[in-house]
Amino acid sequence: MSLRERIRNFIVDTFFVDGFGDDDSFLRKGLIDSTGMMELVAFIETEFGIKLEDKELVPENLDSLSRVVAFVGRKQPSPQKAV
């Protein structure tokens, strides 16, 4: 399952929403409220083994599926290159 699918499935299953676009704002569309954002952060940290800093908890990183996918992709450790 792709990164996008894992995150989308979490949002659909947790917040009982479906039929939203990858670029739809979670907050403006009312898909996820501020408490829900903390649930999303906890999921990201647990599911992908990354730690989010307070300064990273901004809409530019977390306010749409596309933004979350891109952010998690940047935060995940890169595979080590064989020497």
N, C-alpha and C. Protein backbone atom coordinates (compact mmCIF):
# COMPACT_ATOMS: atom_id res chain seq x y z
N MET A 1 0.84 -1.17 0.00
CA MET A 1 0.00 0.00 0.00
C MET A 1 0.90 1.24 0.00
N SER A 2 0.56 2.19 -0.82
CA SER A 2 1.39 3.40 -0.95
C SER A 2 1.22 4.30 0.28
N LEU A 3 2.16 5.21 0.42
CA LEU A 3 2.11 6.20 1.49
C LEU A 3 0.79 6.96 1.43
N ARG A 4 0.41 7.42 0.26
CA ARG A 4 -0.84 8.17 0.06
C ARG A 4 -2.04 7.33 0.50
N GLU A 5 -2.08 6.07 0.11
CA GLU A 5 -3.20 5.20 0.47
C GLU A 5 -3.28 4.97 1.97
N ARG A 6 -2.14 4.78 2.62
CA ARG A 6 -2.13 4.56 4.06
C ARG A 6 -2.68 5.77 4.81
N ILE A 7 -2.26 6.96 4.39
CA ILE A 7 -2.72 8.18 5.05
C ILE A 7 -4.20 8.42 4.75
N ARG A 8 -4.60 8.25 3.48
CA ARG A 8 -6.01 8.43 3.11
C ARG A 8 -6.89 7.46 3.89
N ASN A 9 -6.49 6.20 3.98
CA ASN A 9 -7.29 5.22 4.72
C ASN A 9 -7.44 5.60 6.18
N PHE A 10 -6.37 6.11 6.79
CA PHE A 10 -6.45 6.55 8.18
C PHE A 10 -7.48 7.67 8.31
N ILE A 11 -7.43 8.65 7.42
CA ILE A 11 -8.35 9.79 7.49
C ILE A 11 -9.79 9.33 7.30
N VAL A 12 -10.03 8.51 6.30
CA VAL A 12 -11.39 8.01 6.03
C VAL A 12 -11.91 7.20 7.22
N ASP A 13 -11.10 6.29 7.74
CA ASP A 13 -11.53 5.42 8.84
C ASP A 13 -11.68 6.15 10.16
N THR A 14 -10.82 7.12 10.43
CA THR A 14 -10.83 7.82 11.71
C THR A 14 -11.85 8.94 11.78
N PHE A 15 -11.98 9.68 10.68
CA PHE A 15 -12.83 10.87 10.70
C PHE A 15 -14.12 10.69 9.92
N PHE A 16 -14.34 9.48 9.40
CA PHE A 16 -15.58 9.14 8.69
C PHE A 16 -15.88 10.11 7.56
N VAL A 17 -14.84 10.43 6.80
CA VAL A 17 -15.00 11.30 5.64
C VAL A 17 -14.50 10.55 4.41
N ASP A 18 -15.08 10.88 3.29
CA ASP A 18 -14.66 10.28 2.04
C ASP A 18 -14.99 11.28 0.94
N GLY A 19 -14.49 11.02 -0.24
CA GLY A 19 -14.82 11.89 -1.35
C GLY A 19 -14.15 13.26 -1.29
N PHE A 20 -12.96 13.31 -0.70
CA PHE A 20 -12.23 14.57 -0.68
C PHE A 20 -11.04 14.46 -1.62
N GLY A 21 -10.66 15.59 -2.20
CA GLY A 21 -9.54 15.63 -3.12
C GLY A 21 -8.22 15.68 -2.39
N ASP A 22 -7.17 15.30 -3.08
CA ASP A 22 -5.83 15.30 -2.48
C ASP A 22 -5.40 16.70 -2.03
N ASP A 23 -5.90 17.74 -2.67
CA ASP A 23 -5.49 19.10 -2.33
C ASP A 23 -6.53 19.87 -1.51
N ASP A 24 -7.62 19.20 -1.11
CA ASP A 24 -8.64 19.86 -0.29
C ASP A 24 -8.09 20.15 1.10
N SER A 25 -8.32 21.37 1.58
CA SER A 25 -7.89 21.76 2.92
C SER A 25 -8.72 21.02 3.96
N PHE A 26 -8.05 20.30 4.85
CA PHE A 26 -8.76 19.59 5.91
C PHE A 26 -9.53 20.56 6.80
N LEU A 27 -8.91 21.67 7.14
CA LEU A 27 -9.52 22.62 8.07
C LEU A 27 -10.62 23.44 7.40
N ARG A 28 -10.36 24.00 6.23
CA ARG A 28 -11.37 24.83 5.55
C ARG A 28 -12.60 24.03 5.14
N LYS A 29 -12.39 22.77 4.76
CA LYS A 29 -13.51 21.92 4.34
C LYS A 29 -14.20 21.26 5.54
N GLY A 30 -13.63 21.44 6.73
CA GLY A 30 -14.23 20.84 7.92
C GLY A 30 -14.04 19.33 8.01
N LEU A 31 -13.04 18.81 7.31
CA LEU A 31 -12.80 17.36 7.33
C LEU A 31 -12.15 16.92 8.63
N ILE A 32 -11.24 17.73 9.14
CA ILE A 32 -10.51 17.42 10.37
C ILE A 32 -10.45 18.70 11.20
N ASP A 33 -10.83 18.60 12.49
CA ASP A 33 -10.73 19.78 13.36
C ASP A 33 -9.38 19.78 14.07
N SER A 34 -9.18 20.73 14.97
CA SER A 34 -7.87 20.87 15.61
C SER A 34 -7.51 19.64 16.45
N THR A 35 -8.48 19.05 17.11
CA THR A 35 -8.22 17.82 17.88
C THR A 35 -7.86 16.68 16.92
N GLY A 36 -8.55 16.63 15.81
CA GLY A 36 -8.26 15.62 14.80
C GLY A 36 -6.86 15.75 14.23
N MET A 37 -6.40 16.99 14.13
CA MET A 37 -5.03 17.21 13.64
C MET A 37 -4.01 16.55 14.57
N MET A 38 -4.28 16.61 15.87
CA MET A 38 -3.37 15.97 16.82
C MET A 38 -3.41 14.45 16.65
N GLU A 39 -4.58 13.90 16.33
CA GLU A 39 -4.69 12.47 16.03
C GLU A 39 -3.90 12.12 14.78
N LEU A 40 -3.97 12.98 13.77
CA LEU A 40 -3.22 12.76 12.53
C LEU A 40 -1.72 12.79 12.82
N VAL A 41 -1.28 13.73 13.63
CA VAL A 41 0.14 13.82 13.99
C VAL A 41 0.58 12.56 14.72
N ALA A 42 -0.23 12.09 15.67
CA ALA A 42 0.11 10.87 16.42
C ALA A 42 0.20 9.68 15.47
N PHE A 43 -0.72 9.60 14.51
CA PHE A 43 -0.68 8.52 13.52
C PHE A 43 0.60 8.58 12.70
N ILE A 44 0.95 9.76 12.22
CA ILE A 44 2.16 9.92 11.41
C ILE A 44 3.39 9.48 12.20
N GLU A 45 3.48 9.93 13.44
CA GLU A 45 4.64 9.58 14.26
C GLU A 45 4.73 8.08 14.51
N THR A 46 3.60 7.47 14.79
CA THR A 46 3.58 6.04 15.09
C THR A 46 3.75 5.19 13.83
N GLU A 47 2.98 5.50 12.83
CA GLU A 47 2.95 4.69 11.60
C GLU A 47 4.25 4.76 10.81
N PHE A 48 4.86 5.94 10.79
CA PHE A 48 6.03 6.13 9.94
C PHE A 48 7.33 6.31 10.73
N GLY A 49 7.24 6.25 12.05
CA GLY A 49 8.44 6.30 12.89
C GLY A 49 9.21 7.60 12.79
N ILE A 50 8.48 8.71 12.66
CA ILE A 50 9.14 10.01 12.59
C ILE A 50 8.61 10.90 13.71
N LYS A 51 9.41 11.83 14.13
CA LYS A 51 9.03 12.76 15.19
C LYS A 51 8.81 14.14 14.57
N LEU A 52 7.64 14.72 14.83
CA LEU A 52 7.35 16.05 14.33
C LEU A 52 7.71 17.08 15.39
N GLU A 53 8.43 18.10 14.98
CA GLU A 53 8.78 19.20 15.87
C GLU A 53 7.61 20.19 15.90
N ASP A 54 7.51 20.96 16.98
CA ASP A 54 6.43 21.94 17.09
C ASP A 54 6.39 22.89 15.90
N LYS A 55 7.57 23.31 15.43
CA LYS A 55 7.62 24.26 14.32
C LYS A 55 7.12 23.66 13.01
N GLU A 56 6.99 22.32 12.95
CA GLU A 56 6.50 21.65 11.74
C GLU A 56 4.98 21.48 11.73
N LEU A 57 4.33 21.80 12.84
CA LEU A 57 2.88 21.64 12.95
C LEU A 57 2.17 22.85 12.37
N VAL A 58 2.30 23.00 11.06
CA VAL A 58 1.75 24.14 10.34
C VAL A 58 0.94 23.65 9.15
N PRO A 59 -0.02 24.46 8.69
CA PRO A 59 -0.85 24.06 7.55
C PRO A 59 -0.04 23.67 6.31
N GLU A 60 1.09 24.32 6.10
CA GLU A 60 1.91 24.02 4.91
C GLU A 60 2.34 22.56 4.89
N ASN A 61 2.38 21.90 6.04
CA ASN A 61 2.78 20.50 6.12
C ASN A 61 1.62 19.54 6.30
N LEU A 62 0.50 20.02 6.86
CA LEU A 62 -0.52 19.07 7.34
C LEU A 62 -1.95 19.36 6.89
N ASP A 63 -2.20 20.35 6.05
CA ASP A 63 -3.58 20.73 5.78
C ASP A 63 -4.19 20.19 4.49
N SER A 64 -3.63 19.13 3.95
CA SER A 64 -4.27 18.42 2.84
C SER A 64 -3.54 17.08 2.70
N LEU A 65 -4.16 16.17 2.03
CA LEU A 65 -3.54 14.87 1.82
C LEU A 65 -2.22 15.03 1.06
N SER A 66 -2.21 15.85 0.03
CA SER A 66 -0.98 16.06 -0.75
C SER A 66 0.14 16.62 0.12
N ARG A 67 -0.21 17.57 0.99
CA ARG A 67 0.80 18.19 1.85
C ARG A 67 1.34 17.19 2.87
N VAL A 68 0.45 16.38 3.44
CA VAL A 68 0.90 15.39 4.42
C VAL A 68 1.80 14.35 3.76
N VAL A 69 1.41 13.87 2.59
CA VAL A 69 2.21 12.88 1.87
C VAL A 69 3.60 13.44 1.55
N ALA A 70 3.65 14.67 1.05
CA ALA A 70 4.94 15.28 0.73
C ALA A 70 5.78 15.48 1.99
N PHE A 71 5.16 15.92 3.06
CA PHE A 71 5.87 16.15 4.31
C PHE A 71 6.44 14.85 4.87
N VAL A 72 5.61 13.81 4.93
CA VAL A 72 6.09 12.52 5.44
C VAL A 72 7.21 11.99 4.55
N GLY A 73 7.07 12.15 3.25
CA GLY A 73 8.12 11.73 2.33
C GLY A 73 9.45 12.42 2.60
N ARG A 74 9.39 13.71 2.93
CA ARG A 74 10.62 14.45 3.26
C ARG A 74 11.20 14.02 4.60
N LYS A 75 10.35 13.65 5.54
CA LYS A 75 10.80 13.33 6.89
C LYS A 75 11.33 11.91 7.03
N GLN A 76 10.88 11.01 6.17
CA GLN A 76 11.33 9.63 6.28
C GLN A 76 12.81 9.53 5.94
N PRO A 77 13.54 8.70 6.69
CA PRO A 77 14.97 8.54 6.38
C PRO A 77 15.16 7.95 4.98
N SER A 78 16.14 8.46 4.29
CA SER A 78 16.46 7.93 2.96
C SER A 78 17.20 6.61 3.13
N PRO A 79 16.96 5.66 2.22
CA PRO A 79 17.72 4.42 2.29
C PRO A 79 19.22 4.71 2.11
N GLN A 80 20.04 4.00 2.83
CA GLN A 80 21.49 4.18 2.72
C GLN A 80 21.98 3.64 1.39
N LYS A 81 22.86 4.39 0.77
CA LYS A 81 23.44 3.95 -0.50
C LYS A 81 24.55 2.92 -0.21
N ALA A 82 24.57 1.89 -1.02
CA ALA A 82 25.63 0.88 -0.88
C ALA A 82 26.94 1.46 -1.38
N VAL A 83 27.99 1.17 -0.67
CA VAL A 83 29.31 1.71 -1.05
C VAL A 83 30.11 0.64 -1.71
